[in-house]
């Protein structure tokens, strides 16, 4: 398992998610409203996570299901920290940030985190039926 590569994949995911969020705010929020645009963003963000995870599935070198789930768990922990830090930096209060995770308030980010948790295991299973070979360290 190459944790450095798993971290690089996560950074790529955060870059893609950030760009998606900027586009969502500029293009979708004015048309759909803020909450529906954020809800749609969870779906498109989940698809981005699955795509990036699928593209990097063999490169990270996590071949067993437990390792793949540990990668997903690490991505989730890093993502929650990233989301909270960015939200605070943008001036959002705790109530607003937590509402994004509460389905009773229309927040679906918990679903997105669940997708992120299982993405490495799910996308590795979508290959040719064999576990990917371990990645070689440079």
N, C-alpha and C. Protein backbone atom coordinates (compact mmCIF):
# COMPACT_ATOMS: atom_id res chain seq x y z
N UNK A 1 0.84 -1.18 0.00
CA UNK A 1 0.00 0.00 0.00
C UNK A 1 0.88 1.23 0.00
N UNK A 2 0.62 2.12 -0.92
CA UNK A 2 1.40 3.35 -1.02
C UNK A 2 0.54 4.52 -0.55
N UNK A 3 0.73 4.93 0.70
CA UNK A 3 -0.10 6.00 1.28
C UNK A 3 0.17 7.35 0.63
N UNK A 4 1.39 7.55 0.15
CA UNK A 4 1.69 8.80 -0.56
C UNK A 4 0.84 8.93 -1.82
N UNK A 5 0.70 7.83 -2.53
CA UNK A 5 -0.13 7.85 -3.74
C UNK A 5 -1.60 8.02 -3.39
N UNK A 6 -2.04 7.36 -2.32
CA UNK A 6 -3.44 7.53 -1.88
C UNK A 6 -3.71 8.99 -1.53
N UNK A 7 -2.73 9.64 -0.90
CA UNK A 7 -2.88 11.06 -0.57
C UNK A 7 -2.93 11.92 -1.84
N UNK A 8 -2.10 11.60 -2.82
CA UNK A 8 -2.14 12.35 -4.08
C UNK A 8 -3.48 12.18 -4.79
N UNK A 9 -4.03 10.98 -4.75
CA UNK A 9 -5.35 10.75 -5.36
C UNK A 9 -6.40 11.58 -4.63
N UNK A 10 -6.33 11.62 -3.30
CA UNK A 10 -7.27 12.43 -2.53
C UNK A 10 -7.13 13.91 -2.89
N UNK A 11 -5.89 14.39 -3.01
CA UNK A 11 -5.69 15.79 -3.39
C UNK A 11 -6.30 16.09 -4.75
N UNK A 12 -6.16 15.16 -5.69
CA UNK A 12 -6.79 15.32 -7.00
C UNK A 12 -8.31 15.38 -6.85
N UNK A 13 -8.86 14.53 -5.98
CA UNK A 13 -10.31 14.56 -5.73
C UNK A 13 -10.73 15.92 -5.17
N UNK A 14 -9.96 16.46 -4.24
CA UNK A 14 -10.32 17.75 -3.64
C UNK A 14 -10.22 18.87 -4.67
N UNK A 15 -9.23 18.79 -5.56
CA UNK A 15 -9.13 19.78 -6.63
C UNK A 15 -10.35 19.70 -7.53
N UNK A 16 -10.71 18.49 -7.94
CA UNK A 16 -11.88 18.30 -8.81
C UNK A 16 -13.16 18.76 -8.11
N UNK A 17 -13.30 18.41 -6.83
CA UNK A 17 -14.50 18.80 -6.07
C UNK A 17 -14.56 20.32 -5.89
N UNK A 18 -13.41 20.95 -5.66
CA UNK A 18 -13.38 22.40 -5.49
C UNK A 18 -13.78 23.10 -6.79
N UNK A 19 -13.22 22.65 -7.90
CA UNK A 19 -13.60 23.24 -9.20
C UNK A 19 -15.07 23.01 -9.49
N UNK A 20 -15.57 21.82 -9.17
CA UNK A 20 -16.99 21.51 -9.35
C UNK A 20 -17.84 22.44 -8.48
N UNK A 21 -17.39 22.70 -7.24
CA UNK A 21 -18.12 23.59 -6.34
C UNK A 21 -18.16 25.02 -6.85
N UNK A 22 -17.06 25.48 -7.40
CA UNK A 22 -17.02 26.84 -7.96
C UNK A 22 -17.99 26.95 -9.13
N UNK A 23 -17.94 25.98 -10.03
CA UNK A 23 -18.85 25.98 -11.17
C UNK A 23 -20.31 25.88 -10.72
N UNK A 24 -20.55 25.06 -9.71
CA UNK A 24 -21.92 24.91 -9.18
C UNK A 24 -22.43 26.24 -8.65
N UNK A 25 -21.59 26.95 -7.89
CA UNK A 25 -22.01 28.24 -7.33
C UNK A 25 -22.25 29.28 -8.41
N UNK A 26 -21.42 29.27 -9.43
CA UNK A 26 -21.53 30.28 -10.50
C UNK A 26 -22.67 29.98 -11.47
N UNK A 27 -22.87 28.69 -11.78
CA UNK A 27 -23.81 28.33 -12.84
C UNK A 27 -25.14 27.77 -12.35
N UNK A 28 -25.10 26.88 -11.37
CA UNK A 28 -26.34 26.21 -10.94
C UNK A 28 -27.09 26.95 -9.84
N UNK A 29 -26.37 27.47 -8.86
CA UNK A 29 -27.05 28.13 -7.74
C UNK A 29 -27.97 29.26 -8.17
N UNK A 30 -27.55 30.12 -9.10
CA UNK A 30 -28.46 31.20 -9.51
C UNK A 30 -29.74 30.68 -10.18
N UNK A 31 -29.67 29.52 -10.80
CA UNK A 31 -30.83 28.97 -11.52
C UNK A 31 -31.69 28.10 -10.61
N UNK A 32 -31.06 27.19 -9.87
CA UNK A 32 -31.79 26.22 -9.06
C UNK A 32 -32.04 26.67 -7.63
N UNK A 33 -31.21 27.57 -7.13
CA UNK A 33 -31.20 27.91 -5.72
C UNK A 33 -30.05 27.19 -5.04
N UNK A 34 -29.65 27.70 -3.87
CA UNK A 34 -28.46 27.18 -3.21
C UNK A 34 -28.60 25.72 -2.79
N UNK A 35 -29.65 25.38 -2.04
CA UNK A 35 -29.78 24.01 -1.53
C UNK A 35 -29.91 22.98 -2.65
N UNK A 36 -30.80 23.16 -3.63
CA UNK A 36 -30.87 22.17 -4.71
C UNK A 36 -29.55 22.03 -5.47
N UNK A 37 -28.83 23.14 -5.64
CA UNK A 37 -27.55 23.08 -6.34
C UNK A 37 -26.54 22.27 -5.52
N UNK A 38 -26.53 22.47 -4.19
CA UNK A 38 -25.63 21.69 -3.34
C UNK A 38 -26.00 20.22 -3.35
N UNK A 39 -27.29 19.92 -3.36
CA UNK A 39 -27.74 18.52 -3.42
C UNK A 39 -27.30 17.86 -4.72
N UNK A 40 -27.45 18.56 -5.82
CA UNK A 40 -26.99 18.05 -7.11
C UNK A 40 -25.46 17.91 -7.11
N UNK A 41 -24.80 18.82 -6.41
CA UNK A 41 -23.35 18.76 -6.30
C UNK A 41 -22.86 17.49 -5.61
N UNK A 42 -23.64 16.98 -4.66
CA UNK A 42 -23.25 15.72 -4.00
C UNK A 42 -23.26 14.58 -5.01
N UNK A 43 -24.26 14.56 -5.87
CA UNK A 43 -24.32 13.51 -6.90
C UNK A 43 -23.16 13.63 -7.88
N UNK A 44 -22.94 14.83 -8.41
CA UNK A 44 -21.84 14.99 -9.37
C UNK A 44 -20.48 14.79 -8.69
N UNK A 45 -20.36 15.22 -7.44
CA UNK A 45 -19.12 14.99 -6.70
C UNK A 45 -18.86 13.52 -6.46
N UNK A 46 -19.91 12.77 -6.16
CA UNK A 46 -19.77 11.32 -5.96
C UNK A 46 -19.31 10.64 -7.24
N UNK A 47 -19.84 11.09 -8.36
CA UNK A 47 -19.41 10.53 -9.65
C UNK A 47 -17.95 10.86 -9.92
N UNK A 48 -17.52 12.07 -9.57
CA UNK A 48 -16.11 12.44 -9.73
C UNK A 48 -15.21 11.55 -8.87
N UNK A 49 -15.62 11.33 -7.62
CA UNK A 49 -14.84 10.48 -6.71
C UNK A 49 -14.72 9.07 -7.28
N UNK A 50 -15.82 8.53 -7.76
CA UNK A 50 -15.79 7.18 -8.33
C UNK A 50 -14.90 7.12 -9.57
N UNK A 51 -14.99 8.13 -10.42
CA UNK A 51 -14.16 8.16 -11.63
C UNK A 51 -12.67 8.23 -11.27
N UNK A 52 -12.31 9.14 -10.39
CA UNK A 52 -10.90 9.30 -10.02
C UNK A 52 -10.40 8.04 -9.32
N UNK A 53 -11.21 7.48 -8.43
CA UNK A 53 -10.83 6.24 -7.75
C UNK A 53 -10.64 5.10 -8.76
N UNK A 54 -11.52 5.02 -9.74
CA UNK A 54 -11.42 3.98 -10.76
C UNK A 54 -10.14 4.15 -11.58
N UNK A 55 -9.83 5.39 -11.94
CA UNK A 55 -8.62 5.64 -12.74
C UNK A 55 -7.35 5.31 -11.97
N UNK A 56 -7.38 5.47 -10.64
CA UNK A 56 -6.18 5.27 -9.81
C UNK A 56 -6.18 3.92 -9.10
N UNK A 57 -7.11 3.04 -9.42
CA UNK A 57 -7.32 1.83 -8.62
C UNK A 57 -6.08 0.94 -8.51
N UNK A 58 -5.30 0.78 -9.52
CA UNK A 58 -4.10 -0.06 -9.43
C UNK A 58 -2.86 0.71 -9.00
N UNK A 59 -2.86 2.00 -9.24
CA UNK A 59 -1.69 2.84 -9.00
C UNK A 59 -1.38 3.00 -7.51
N UNK A 60 -2.41 2.96 -6.66
CA UNK A 60 -2.19 3.17 -5.22
C UNK A 60 -1.59 1.95 -4.54
N UNK A 61 -1.75 0.78 -5.12
CA UNK A 61 -1.16 -0.42 -4.57
C UNK A 61 -1.91 -1.04 -3.41
N UNK A 62 -3.16 -0.68 -3.22
CA UNK A 62 -3.97 -1.30 -2.16
C UNK A 62 -4.74 -2.46 -2.79
N UNK A 63 -4.31 -3.68 -2.47
CA UNK A 63 -4.88 -4.82 -3.17
C UNK A 63 -5.97 -5.56 -2.39
N UNK A 64 -5.98 -5.46 -1.08
CA UNK A 64 -6.97 -6.21 -0.30
C UNK A 64 -8.14 -5.31 0.08
N UNK A 65 -9.28 -5.93 0.29
CA UNK A 65 -10.48 -5.16 0.67
C UNK A 65 -10.25 -4.35 1.96
N UNK A 66 -9.63 -4.93 3.01
CA UNK A 66 -9.39 -4.12 4.22
C UNK A 66 -8.52 -2.90 3.94
N UNK A 67 -7.50 -3.07 3.11
CA UNK A 67 -6.65 -1.92 2.77
C UNK A 67 -7.43 -0.89 1.97
N UNK A 68 -8.23 -1.35 1.04
CA UNK A 68 -9.04 -0.43 0.23
C UNK A 68 -10.02 0.35 1.11
N UNK A 69 -10.59 -0.31 2.10
CA UNK A 69 -11.51 0.38 3.01
C UNK A 69 -10.75 1.34 3.92
N UNK A 70 -9.51 1.01 4.29
CA UNK A 70 -8.70 1.96 5.07
C UNK A 70 -8.39 3.20 4.25
N UNK A 71 -8.09 3.02 2.97
CA UNK A 71 -7.87 4.17 2.09
C UNK A 71 -9.13 5.03 2.06
N UNK A 72 -10.29 4.41 1.84
CA UNK A 72 -11.54 5.15 1.82
C UNK A 72 -11.80 5.87 3.14
N UNK A 73 -11.51 5.21 4.26
CA UNK A 73 -11.68 5.85 5.57
C UNK A 73 -10.76 7.04 5.75
N UNK A 74 -9.52 6.91 5.29
CA UNK A 74 -8.59 8.03 5.36
C UNK A 74 -9.08 9.19 4.50
N UNK A 75 -9.56 8.88 3.30
CA UNK A 75 -10.10 9.93 2.43
C UNK A 75 -11.26 10.65 3.10
N UNK A 76 -12.15 9.89 3.76
CA UNK A 76 -13.30 10.50 4.43
C UNK A 76 -12.83 11.43 5.55
N UNK A 77 -11.91 10.96 6.39
CA UNK A 77 -11.41 11.79 7.49
C UNK A 77 -10.76 13.07 6.97
N UNK A 78 -9.92 12.93 5.95
CA UNK A 78 -9.28 14.11 5.36
C UNK A 78 -10.31 15.05 4.75
N UNK A 79 -11.32 14.49 4.12
CA UNK A 79 -12.34 15.31 3.46
C UNK A 79 -13.16 16.09 4.47
N UNK A 80 -13.56 15.46 5.56
CA UNK A 80 -14.32 16.17 6.59
C UNK A 80 -13.49 17.33 7.14
N UNK A 81 -12.22 17.08 7.44
CA UNK A 81 -11.34 18.14 7.93
C UNK A 81 -11.21 19.26 6.89
N UNK A 82 -11.05 18.89 5.63
CA UNK A 82 -10.92 19.86 4.55
C UNK A 82 -12.20 20.69 4.41
N UNK A 83 -13.35 20.02 4.40
CA UNK A 83 -14.64 20.71 4.25
C UNK A 83 -14.87 21.69 5.39
N UNK A 84 -14.60 21.27 6.61
CA UNK A 84 -14.81 22.15 7.76
C UNK A 84 -13.85 23.34 7.72
N UNK A 85 -12.59 23.10 7.35
CA UNK A 85 -11.61 24.18 7.27
C UNK A 85 -11.98 25.18 6.19
N UNK A 86 -12.34 24.70 5.02
CA UNK A 86 -12.72 25.59 3.92
C UNK A 86 -14.00 26.34 4.28
N UNK A 87 -14.97 25.64 4.86
CA UNK A 87 -16.22 26.28 5.26
C UNK A 87 -15.98 27.40 6.26
N UNK A 88 -15.15 27.15 7.26
CA UNK A 88 -14.82 28.18 8.25
C UNK A 88 -14.09 29.35 7.57
N UNK A 89 -13.15 29.03 6.66
CA UNK A 89 -12.41 30.08 5.96
C UNK A 89 -13.34 30.96 5.12
N UNK A 90 -14.41 30.37 4.61
CA UNK A 90 -15.38 31.13 3.81
C UNK A 90 -16.42 31.83 4.67
N UNK A 91 -16.31 31.67 5.99
CA UNK A 91 -17.20 32.38 6.90
C UNK A 91 -18.50 31.68 7.23
N UNK A 92 -18.62 30.40 6.90
CA UNK A 92 -19.84 29.66 7.23
C UNK A 92 -19.80 29.26 8.70
N UNK A 93 -20.93 29.37 9.37
CA UNK A 93 -21.03 28.97 10.76
C UNK A 93 -21.15 27.46 10.90
N UNK A 94 -20.98 27.00 12.13
CA UNK A 94 -21.06 25.56 12.40
C UNK A 94 -22.41 24.98 12.01
N UNK A 95 -23.49 25.73 12.28
CA UNK A 95 -24.83 25.22 11.96
C UNK A 95 -24.97 24.97 10.46
N UNK A 96 -24.46 25.88 9.65
CA UNK A 96 -24.54 25.73 8.19
C UNK A 96 -23.70 24.55 7.72
N UNK A 97 -22.51 24.41 8.29
CA UNK A 97 -21.63 23.31 7.89
C UNK A 97 -22.23 21.96 8.27
N UNK A 98 -22.78 21.86 9.47
CA UNK A 98 -23.39 20.59 9.90
C UNK A 98 -24.66 20.28 9.14
N UNK A 99 -25.39 21.31 8.71
CA UNK A 99 -26.63 21.10 7.94
C UNK A 99 -26.35 20.37 6.63
N UNK A 100 -25.17 20.56 6.08
CA UNK A 100 -24.82 19.87 4.83
C UNK A 100 -24.77 18.35 5.00
N UNK A 101 -24.61 17.89 6.23
CA UNK A 101 -24.54 16.45 6.51
C UNK A 101 -25.86 15.89 7.02
N UNK A 102 -26.85 16.74 7.25
CA UNK A 102 -28.11 16.33 7.87
C UNK A 102 -29.22 16.21 6.82
N UNK A 103 -29.63 14.98 6.48
CA UNK A 103 -30.67 14.80 5.47
C UNK A 103 -32.00 15.46 5.85
N UNK A 104 -32.26 15.62 7.15
CA UNK A 104 -33.51 16.29 7.58
C UNK A 104 -33.52 17.76 7.18
N UNK A 105 -32.33 18.30 6.95
CA UNK A 105 -32.22 19.69 6.51
C UNK A 105 -31.87 19.79 5.02
N UNK A 106 -31.95 18.67 4.34
CA UNK A 106 -31.67 18.66 2.91
C UNK A 106 -30.21 18.42 2.56
N UNK A 107 -29.38 18.17 3.57
CA UNK A 107 -27.96 17.95 3.33
C UNK A 107 -27.66 16.49 3.01
N UNK A 108 -26.94 16.26 1.94
CA UNK A 108 -26.63 14.90 1.51
C UNK A 108 -25.14 14.59 1.51
N UNK A 109 -24.33 15.43 2.15
CA UNK A 109 -22.89 15.17 2.13
C UNK A 109 -22.53 13.84 2.80
N UNK A 110 -23.33 13.40 3.75
CA UNK A 110 -23.08 12.09 4.36
C UNK A 110 -23.12 10.98 3.32
N UNK A 111 -24.05 11.09 2.37
CA UNK A 111 -24.11 10.13 1.27
C UNK A 111 -22.83 10.19 0.45
N UNK A 112 -22.37 11.40 0.17
CA UNK A 112 -21.12 11.55 -0.59
C UNK A 112 -19.94 10.94 0.14
N UNK A 113 -19.90 11.08 1.47
CA UNK A 113 -18.82 10.48 2.24
C UNK A 113 -18.90 8.96 2.24
N UNK A 114 -20.10 8.43 2.25
CA UNK A 114 -20.27 6.98 2.16
C UNK A 114 -19.74 6.47 0.82
N UNK A 115 -20.05 7.18 -0.25
CA UNK A 115 -19.51 6.81 -1.57
C UNK A 115 -17.99 6.85 -1.54
N UNK A 116 -17.43 7.90 -0.93
CA UNK A 116 -15.97 8.02 -0.85
C UNK A 116 -15.36 6.87 -0.05
N UNK A 117 -16.02 6.47 1.03
CA UNK A 117 -15.53 5.38 1.87
C UNK A 117 -15.40 4.08 1.07
N UNK A 118 -16.40 3.77 0.28
CA UNK A 118 -16.40 2.48 -0.44
C UNK A 118 -15.81 2.59 -1.84
N UNK A 119 -15.52 3.80 -2.31
CA UNK A 119 -15.04 3.98 -3.69
C UNK A 119 -13.82 3.13 -4.02
N UNK A 120 -12.77 3.09 -3.19
CA UNK A 120 -11.62 2.27 -3.57
C UNK A 120 -11.97 0.79 -3.72
N UNK A 121 -12.75 0.24 -2.79
CA UNK A 121 -13.13 -1.17 -2.87
C UNK A 121 -14.08 -1.42 -4.04
N UNK A 122 -15.01 -0.51 -4.23
CA UNK A 122 -15.99 -0.65 -5.31
C UNK A 122 -15.32 -0.58 -6.68
N UNK A 123 -14.44 0.38 -6.87
CA UNK A 123 -13.82 0.54 -8.18
C UNK A 123 -12.77 -0.53 -8.44
N UNK A 124 -12.10 -1.02 -7.40
CA UNK A 124 -11.15 -2.12 -7.60
C UNK A 124 -11.89 -3.36 -8.05
N UNK A 125 -13.09 -3.56 -7.53
CA UNK A 125 -13.89 -4.72 -7.91
C UNK A 125 -14.42 -4.60 -9.33
N UNK A 126 -14.40 -3.40 -9.90
CA UNK A 126 -14.92 -3.20 -11.25
C UNK A 126 -13.89 -3.52 -12.33
N UNK A 127 -12.72 -3.95 -11.91
CA UNK A 127 -11.68 -4.26 -12.89
C UNK A 127 -11.95 -5.56 -13.61
N UNK A 128 -10.90 -6.29 -13.87
CA UNK A 128 -11.04 -7.53 -14.64
C UNK A 128 -11.26 -8.75 -13.74
N UNK A 129 -11.59 -8.51 -12.49
CA UNK A 129 -11.84 -9.61 -11.56
C UNK A 129 -10.61 -10.00 -10.75
N UNK A 130 -9.46 -9.47 -11.11
CA UNK A 130 -8.24 -9.74 -10.35
C UNK A 130 -7.93 -8.53 -9.49
N UNK A 131 -7.30 -8.79 -8.36
CA UNK A 131 -6.86 -7.67 -7.54
C UNK A 131 -5.71 -6.99 -8.26
N UNK A 132 -5.62 -5.66 -8.16
CA UNK A 132 -4.52 -4.98 -8.83
C UNK A 132 -3.19 -5.35 -8.18
N UNK A 133 -2.13 -5.41 -8.97
CA UNK A 133 -0.82 -5.72 -8.39
C UNK A 133 -0.37 -4.56 -7.51
N UNK A 134 0.45 -4.84 -6.50
CA UNK A 134 0.95 -3.75 -5.66
C UNK A 134 1.78 -2.79 -6.50
N UNK A 135 1.64 -1.51 -6.22
CA UNK A 135 2.41 -0.51 -6.95
C UNK A 135 3.85 -0.55 -6.47
N UNK A 136 4.77 -0.32 -7.38
CA UNK A 136 6.18 -0.27 -7.01
C UNK A 136 6.51 1.12 -6.51
N UNK A 137 7.30 1.19 -5.47
CA UNK A 137 7.74 2.48 -4.95
C UNK A 137 8.84 3.01 -5.85
N UNK A 138 8.85 4.33 -6.04
CA UNK A 138 9.91 4.90 -6.90
C UNK A 138 11.26 4.82 -6.26
